C-alpha atoms as a PDB file:
ATOM      1  CA  MET A   1     119.521  86.962  60.520  1.00  0.00           C
ATOM      2  CA  GLY A   2     116.418  84.934  59.639  1.00  0.00           C
ATOM      3  CA  LYS A   3     115.991  83.479  63.138  1.00  0.00           C
ATOM      4  CA  LEU A   4     116.392  86.908  64.777  1.00  0.00           C
ATOM      5  CA  THR A   5     113.876  88.455  62.382  1.00  0.00           C
ATOM      6  CA  ASP A   6     111.384  85.669  63.125  1.00  0.00           C
ATOM      7  CA  LEU A   7     111.787  86.071  66.901  1.00  0.00           C
ATOM      8  CA  LEU A   8     111.337  89.839  66.761  1.00  0.00           C
ATOM      9  CA  ARG A   9     108.318  89.523  64.463  1.00  0.00           C
ATOM     10  CA  LEU A  10     106.714  87.058  66.905  1.00  0.00           C
ATOM     11  CA  ALA A  11     107.439  89.432  69.821  1.00  0.00           C
ATOM     12  CA  GLN A  12     105.970  92.367  67.904  1.00  0.00           C
ATOM     13  CA  GLU A  13     102.820  90.433  66.994  1.00  0.00           C
ATOM     14  CA  ARG A  14     102.434  89.429  70.656  1.00  0.00           C
ATOM     15  CA  ALA A  15     102.772  93.084  71.713  1.00  0.00           C
ATOM     16  CA  GLN A  16     100.130  94.161  69.202  1.00  0.00           C
ATOM     17  CA  ARG A  17      97.703  91.527  70.493  1.00  0.00           C
ATOM     18  CA  MET A  18      98.396  92.669  74.065  1.00  0.00           C
ATOM     19  CA  GLU A  19      98.093  96.335  72.980  1.00  0.00           C
ATOM     20  CA  LEU A  20     101.524  97.208  74.382  1.00  0.00           C
ATOM     21  CA  PRO A  21     103.088 100.597  73.599  1.00  0.00           C
ATOM     22  CA  TYR A  22     106.591  99.200  73.071  1.00  0.00           C
ATOM     23  CA  ALA A  23     108.242  97.056  70.397  1.00  0.00           C
ATOM     24  CA  GLY A  24     107.504  93.574  71.686  1.00  0.00           C
ATOM     25  CA  ALA A  25     107.158  90.895  74.356  1.00  0.00           C
ATOM     26  CA  LEU A  26     109.483  87.890  74.543  1.00  0.00           C
ATOM     27  CA  THR A  27     109.506  84.677  76.542  1.00  0.00           C
ATOM     28  CA  PRO A  28     112.721  84.151  78.534  1.00  0.00           C
ATOM     29  CA  ALA A  29     114.019  81.592  76.011  1.00  0.00           C
ATOM     30  CA  GLU A  30     113.279  83.968  73.122  1.00  0.00           C
ATOM     31  CA  ALA A  31     114.989  86.838  74.972  1.00  0.00           C
ATOM     32  CA  TRP A  32     118.111  84.718  75.519  1.00  0.00           C
ATOM     33  CA  GLU A  33     118.205  83.828  71.832  1.00  0.00           C
ATOM     34  CA  VAL A  34     117.702  87.456  70.759  1.00  0.00           C
ATOM     35  CA  TRP A  35     120.468  88.530  73.170  1.00  0.00           C
ATOM     36  CA  GLN A  36     122.818  86.053  71.486  1.00  0.00           C
ATOM     37  CA  LEU A  37     121.806  86.940  67.900  1.00  0.00           C
ATOM     38  CA  ALA A  38     121.387  90.733  67.932  1.00  0.00           C
ATOM     39  CA  PRO A  39     124.658  92.671  67.985  1.00  0.00           C
ATOM     40  CA  GLY A  40     124.569  95.303  70.721  1.00  0.00           C
ATOM     41  CA  ALA A  41     121.346  94.007  72.314  1.00  0.00           C
ATOM     42  CA  ARG A  42     121.120  94.667  76.055  1.00  0.00           C
ATOM     43  CA  LEU A  43     119.229  92.931  78.827  1.00  0.00           C
ATOM     44  CA  VAL A  44     118.227  95.312  81.638  1.00  0.00           C
ATOM     45  CA  ASP A  45     117.336  93.629  84.933  1.00  0.00           C
ATOM     46  CA  VAL A  46     115.053  96.052  86.814  1.00  0.00           C
ATOM     47  CA  ARG A  47     114.720  94.024  90.033  1.00  0.00           C
ATOM     48  CA  THR A  48     116.000  95.387  93.352  1.00  0.00           C
ATOM     49  CA  ARG A  49     119.505  95.064  94.755  1.00  0.00           C
ATOM     50  CA  ALA A  50     118.112  92.631  97.322  1.00  0.00           C
ATOM     51  CA  GLU A  51     116.724  90.415  94.554  1.00  0.00           C
ATOM     52  CA  TRP A  52     120.045  90.434  92.692  1.00  0.00           C
ATOM     53  CA  ASP A  53     121.954  89.595  95.877  1.00  0.00           C
ATOM     54  CA  TRP A  54     119.575  87.042  97.408  1.00  0.00           C
ATOM     55  CA  VAL A  55     117.748  85.479  94.444  1.00  0.00           C
ATOM     56  CA  GLY A  56     120.309  85.593  91.647  1.00  0.00           C
ATOM     57  CA  ARG A  57     121.901  87.617  88.874  1.00  0.00           C
ATOM     58  CA  ILE A  58     122.084  87.237  85.107  1.00  0.00           C
ATOM     59  CA  PRO A  59     125.693  87.526  83.930  1.00  0.00           C
ATOM     60  CA  GLY A  60     126.120  90.444  81.536  1.00  0.00           C
ATOM     61  CA  ALA A  61     122.782  92.090  82.334  1.00  0.00           C
ATOM     62  CA  VAL A  62     122.613  95.808  83.063  1.00  0.00           C
ATOM     63  CA  GLU A  63     121.181  96.220  86.578  1.00  0.00           C
ATOM     64  CA  ILE A  64     118.983  99.283  87.192  1.00  0.00           C
ATOM     65  CA  GLU A  65     116.374  99.194  89.938  1.00  0.00           C
ATOM     66  CA  TRP A  66     112.839 100.183  88.872  1.00  0.00           C
ATOM     67  CA  LEU A  67     111.807 100.319  92.534  1.00  0.00           C
ATOM     68  CA  THR A  68     114.472 101.140  95.108  1.00  0.00           C
ATOM     69  CA  TYR A  69     115.399  98.853  97.967  1.00  0.00           C
ATOM     70  CA  PRO A  70     114.618  99.244 100.751  1.00  0.00           C
ATOM     71  CA  GLY A  71     111.258 100.950 100.560  1.00  0.00           C
ATOM     72  CA  ASN A  72     109.968  99.887  97.138  1.00  0.00           C
ATOM     73  CA  LYS A  73     109.729 103.490  95.977  1.00  0.00           C
ATOM     74  CA  PRO A  74     110.023 104.378  92.276  1.00  0.00           C
ATOM     75  CA  ASN A  75     113.637 104.998  91.280  1.00  0.00           C
ATOM     76  CA  PRO A  76     113.662 108.685  90.232  1.00  0.00           C
ATOM     77  CA  GLY A  77     116.931 108.170  88.353  1.00  0.00           C
ATOM     78  CA  PHE A  78     115.797 105.161  86.312  1.00  0.00           C
ATOM     79  CA  LEU A  79     115.695 106.864  82.896  1.00  0.00           C
ATOM     80  CA  ALA A  80     118.911 108.820  83.533  1.00  0.00           C
ATOM     81  CA  GLN A  81     120.689 105.589  84.508  1.00  0.00           C
ATOM     82  CA  LEU A  82     119.239 103.808  81.491  1.00  0.00           C
ATOM     83  CA  LYS A  83     120.500 106.534  79.149  1.00  0.00           C
ATOM     84  CA  ARG A  84     123.986 106.297  80.699  1.00  0.00           C
ATOM     85  CA  GLU A  85     124.102 102.496  80.381  1.00  0.00           C
ATOM     86  CA  VAL A  86     122.146 101.721  77.191  1.00  0.00           C
ATOM     87  CA  ASP A  87     122.180 103.489  73.824  1.00  0.00           C
ATOM     88  CA  PRO A  88     118.630 104.566  72.860  1.00  0.00           C
ATOM     89  CA  GLU A  89     119.252 102.991  69.438  1.00  0.00           C
ATOM     90  CA  ALA A  90     119.964  99.560  70.971  1.00  0.00           C
ATOM     91  CA  LEU A  91     117.567  96.663  71.152  1.00  0.00           C
ATOM     92  CA  VAL A  92     116.833  96.559  74.881  1.00  0.00           C
ATOM     93  CA  MET A  93     114.977  93.872  76.822  1.00  0.00           C
ATOM     94  CA  PHE A  94     113.645  94.511  80.320  1.00  0.00           C
ATOM     95  CA  LEU A  95     113.329  91.768  82.933  1.00  0.00           C
ATOM     96  CA  CYS A  96     112.069  91.722  86.544  1.00  0.00           C
ATOM     97  CA  ARG A  97     110.789  88.984  88.868  1.00  0.00           C
ATOM     98  CA  SER A  98     107.516  88.275  87.063  1.00  0.00           C
ATOM     99  CA  GLY A  99     107.214  90.674  84.105  1.00  0.00           C
ATOM    100  CA  VAL A 100     105.215  93.468  85.786  1.00  0.00           C
ATOM    101  CA  ARG A 101     107.950  95.986  86.712  1.00  0.00           C
ATOM    102  CA  SER A 102     109.736  95.250  83.446  1.00  0.00           C
ATOM    103  CA  ASP A 103     106.518  96.113  81.583  1.00  0.00           C
ATOM    104  CA  MET A 104     106.474  99.486  83.359  1.00  0.00           C
ATOM    105  CA  ALA A 105     110.170 100.003  82.574  1.00  0.00           C
ATOM    106  CA  ALA A 106     109.616  99.156  78.890  1.00  0.00           C
ATOM    107  CA  ARG A 107     106.717 101.635  78.790  1.00  0.00           C
ATOM    108  CA  ALA A 108     108.864 104.369  80.358  1.00  0.00           C
ATOM    109  CA  ALA A 109     111.776 103.647  78.018  1.00  0.00           C
ATOM    110  CA  SER A 110     109.475 103.732  75.005  1.00  0.00           C
ATOM    111  CA  GLY A 111     108.197 107.125  76.111  1.00  0.00           C
ATOM    112  CA  ALA A 112     111.811 108.296  76.448  1.00  0.00           C
ATOM    113  CA  GLY A 113     112.704 107.371  72.873  1.00  0.00           C
ATOM    114  CA  TYR A 114     113.802 103.737  73.097  1.00  0.00           C
ATOM    115  CA  LEU A 115     112.023 102.388  70.030  1.00  0.00           C
ATOM    116  CA  ALA A 116     113.367  98.822  70.253  1.00  0.00           C
ATOM    117  CA  GLY A 117     112.240  98.045  73.817  1.00  0.00           C
ATOM    118  CA  TYR A 118     110.944  94.584  74.751  1.00  0.00           C
ATOM    119  CA  ASN A 119     109.499  93.089  77.920  1.00  0.00           C
ATOM    120  CA  VAL A 120     110.596  89.631  79.036  1.00  0.00           C
ATOM    121  CA  LEU A 121     107.385  87.849  79.977  1.00  0.00           C
ATOM    122  CA  GLU A 122     107.419  85.616  83.077  1.00  0.00           C
ATOM    123  CA  GLY A 123     110.490  87.471  84.395  1.00  0.00           C
ATOM    124  CA  PHE A 124     113.304  85.850  86.326  1.00  0.00           C
ATOM    125  CA  GLU A 125     111.215  83.689  88.652  1.00  0.00           C
ATOM    126  CA  GLY A 126     107.991  83.142  86.717  1.00  0.00           C
ATOM    127  CA  ASP A 127     104.455  82.835  88.034  1.00  0.00           C
ATOM    128  CA  ARG A 128     103.492  81.408  91.395  1.00  0.00           C
ATOM    129  CA  ASP A 129     102.700  77.690  91.544  1.00  0.00           C
ATOM    130  CA  ALA A 130      99.608  76.156  93.184  1.00  0.00           C
ATOM    131  CA  ASN A 131     101.246  76.610  96.610  1.00  0.00           C
ATOM    132  CA  GLY A 132     102.013  80.291  96.007  1.00  0.00           C
ATOM    133  CA  GLN A 133     105.739  79.675  95.510  1.00  0.00           C
ATOM    134  CA  ARG A 134     107.734  81.120  92.613  1.00  0.00           C
ATOM    135  CA  ASN A 135     109.428  77.997  91.340  1.00  0.00           C
ATOM    136  CA  ARG A 136     109.202  75.665  88.395  1.00  0.00           C
ATOM    137  CA  VAL A 137     106.421  77.708  86.734  1.00  0.00           C
ATOM    138  CA  GLY A 138     108.026  79.693  83.916  1.00  0.00           C
ATOM    139  CA  GLY A 139     110.659  82.384  84.169  1.00  0.00           C
ATOM    140  CA  TRP A 140     114.329  82.772  83.259  1.00  0.00           C
ATOM    141  CA  ARG A 141     115.617  80.401  85.973  1.00  0.00           C
ATOM    142  CA  HIS A 142     113.119  77.639  85.230  1.00  0.00           C
ATOM    143  CA  ALA A 143     113.978  77.835  81.518  1.00  0.00           C
ATOM    144  CA  GLY A 144     117.544  76.842  82.445  1.00  0.00           C
ATOM    145  CA  LEU A 145     119.045  80.085  81.135  1.00  0.00           C
ATOM    146  CA  PRO A 146     122.330  81.456  82.548  1.00  0.00           C
ATOM    147  CA  TRP A 147     122.200  82.935  86.055  1.00  0.00           C
ATOM    148  CA  GLN A 148     124.316  82.883  89.171  1.00  0.00           C
ATOM    149  CA  GLN A 149     123.568  83.070  92.862  1.00  0.00           C
ATOM    150  CA  GLY A 150     124.214  86.483  94.425  1.00  0.00           C
END
């Protein structure tokens, strides 16, 4: 459990520096490692259905839209769906395209009693490159972590 403890401590220190109201912030590689090491840990992908279908999915992730597709409106059932899918006692990591929606989801979950909530920084696709494209600049996919098309 030493490696897991070290990863979570690093994520918690990062969250304190960033003044985040939830347990921690992880890089994609750290999140993958935590997911493998922590029994019962869950990864919640908060991207839209269109993103899952057209950009790619993470095998084993819980999929709950933060914003609905089409329309990009807040999902009014997000917390209810989260409570049905993920035990509030579980270590839960939130991931979106770039880390922004997942930050909002982690904040909402924290406010709803999820005390071990983490944001996955960089998200699935990472930051935009110099040409404004989301490729090869951070993110879950670029880190070579498991994913599948559609």
